[in-house]
């Protein structure tokens, strides 16, 4: 098996946008690449700095845990996992952080 890496740092805006659009279509599947957002507002502060590899791992663990996606009514092409105890535990485990929500 050959491994090939694409540097997103050198990709044009058009190329990045196309890859991100493709990855959005992969949210909720085993084909997810780790680029597109798949989380809601509640957890975004912890997820946005996660590496692509860690995003992919969290996504994989959510699928294995049987978590369901929610479709965004305002943006039908966007799907995400709602923040719950399972997502929070997975994020804490993979990112090695403590997720604390302010009341």
Protein backbone atom coordinates (compact mmCIF):
# COMPACT_ATOMS: atom_id res chain seq x y z
CA UNK A 1 0.00 0.00 0.00
CA UNK A 2 1.28 3.43 -0.94
CA UNK A 3 0.90 6.40 1.36
CA UNK A 4 0.49 9.83 -0.18
CA UNK A 5 0.13 13.08 1.70
CA UNK A 6 -1.40 16.30 0.43
CA UNK A 7 -0.24 19.49 2.09
CA UNK A 8 -3.27 21.69 2.65
CA UNK A 9 -0.90 24.53 3.49
CA UNK A 10 0.07 24.78 -0.17
CA UNK A 11 -3.37 24.09 -1.64
CA UNK A 12 -5.18 26.95 -3.35
CA UNK A 13 -8.41 28.24 -1.82
CA UNK A 14 -10.36 26.54 -4.62
CA UNK A 15 -8.64 23.21 -4.01
CA UNK A 16 -9.14 23.41 -0.24
CA UNK A 17 -12.82 24.31 -0.70
CA UNK A 18 -13.36 21.35 -3.04
CA UNK A 19 -11.68 18.91 -0.63
CA UNK A 20 -13.66 20.30 2.31
CA UNK A 21 -16.93 20.00 0.34
CA UNK A 22 -16.09 16.38 -0.49
CA UNK A 23 -15.23 15.65 3.14
CA UNK A 24 -18.55 17.18 4.29
CA UNK A 25 -20.26 14.53 2.16
CA UNK A 26 -18.21 11.89 4.03
CA UNK A 27 -19.30 12.96 7.54
CA UNK A 28 -20.97 9.97 9.16
CA UNK A 29 -19.16 7.45 6.95
CA UNK A 30 -15.91 5.50 7.13
CA UNK A 31 -14.63 7.68 4.27
CA UNK A 32 -14.37 10.80 6.45
CA UNK A 33 -10.94 12.41 5.91
CA UNK A 34 -10.69 14.55 9.06
CA UNK A 35 -11.09 17.98 7.51
CA UNK A 36 -14.80 18.91 7.65
CA UNK A 37 -16.54 19.93 10.86
CA UNK A 38 -18.84 17.28 12.36
CA UNK A 39 -19.55 18.80 15.78
CA UNK A 40 -22.01 21.32 17.16
CA UNK A 41 -21.55 24.67 18.87
CA UNK A 42 -21.23 23.21 22.38
CA UNK A 43 -17.92 21.43 21.73
CA UNK A 44 -16.42 23.67 19.03
CA UNK A 45 -13.88 25.39 21.30
CA UNK A 46 -12.17 22.07 21.99
CA UNK A 47 -12.51 20.58 18.52
CA UNK A 48 -11.37 23.37 16.24
CA UNK A 49 -7.71 23.05 17.24
CA UNK A 50 -7.69 19.24 16.95
CA UNK A 51 -5.42 17.82 14.28
CA UNK A 52 -6.91 16.14 11.24
CA UNK A 53 -5.78 12.76 12.59
CA UNK A 54 -7.47 13.37 15.95
CA UNK A 55 -10.67 14.59 14.29
CA UNK A 56 -10.71 11.42 12.21
CA UNK A 57 -10.17 9.28 15.33
CA UNK A 58 -12.97 11.02 17.25
CA UNK A 59 -15.30 10.63 14.26
CA UNK A 60 -14.41 6.93 13.99
CA UNK A 61 -15.09 6.34 17.69
CA UNK A 62 -18.45 8.14 17.47
CA UNK A 63 -19.47 5.88 14.59
CA UNK A 64 -18.38 2.78 16.52
CA UNK A 65 -20.39 4.01 19.53
CA UNK A 66 -23.50 4.18 17.34
CA UNK A 67 -23.95 7.94 17.68
CA UNK A 68 -26.43 9.47 15.23
CA UNK A 69 -25.96 12.54 13.08
CA UNK A 70 -28.26 15.54 13.06
CA UNK A 71 -28.95 17.39 9.82
CA UNK A 72 -28.77 21.17 10.03
CA UNK A 73 -32.15 22.62 8.97
CA UNK A 74 -30.53 25.85 7.75
CA UNK A 75 -27.73 24.07 5.88
CA UNK A 76 -29.00 20.69 4.60
CA UNK A 77 -25.54 19.70 3.35
CA UNK A 78 -24.20 19.92 6.91
CA UNK A 79 -24.47 17.01 9.34
CA UNK A 80 -23.07 16.88 12.83
CA UNK A 81 -23.00 14.94 16.08
CA UNK A 82 -24.76 16.66 18.97
CA UNK A 83 -22.74 17.11 22.12
CA UNK A 84 -23.66 14.54 24.75
CA UNK A 85 -21.82 12.59 27.45
CA UNK A 86 -20.49 10.03 24.95
CA UNK A 87 -19.06 12.66 22.58
CA UNK A 88 -17.59 14.57 25.51
CA UNK A 89 -15.89 11.44 26.88
CA UNK A 90 -14.45 10.55 23.47
CA UNK A 91 -13.13 14.09 22.93
CA UNK A 92 -11.54 14.11 26.39
CA UNK A 93 -9.92 10.72 25.78
CA UNK A 94 -8.54 11.46 22.31
CA UNK A 95 -7.48 15.06 22.93
CA UNK A 96 -6.30 14.35 26.49
CA UNK A 97 -8.17 17.36 27.85
CA UNK A 98 -10.96 18.10 30.27
CA UNK A 99 -14.08 19.55 28.63
CA UNK A 100 -15.81 21.93 31.01
CA UNK A 101 -18.96 23.78 30.02
CA UNK A 102 -19.77 27.09 31.67
CA UNK A 103 -23.31 27.44 32.97
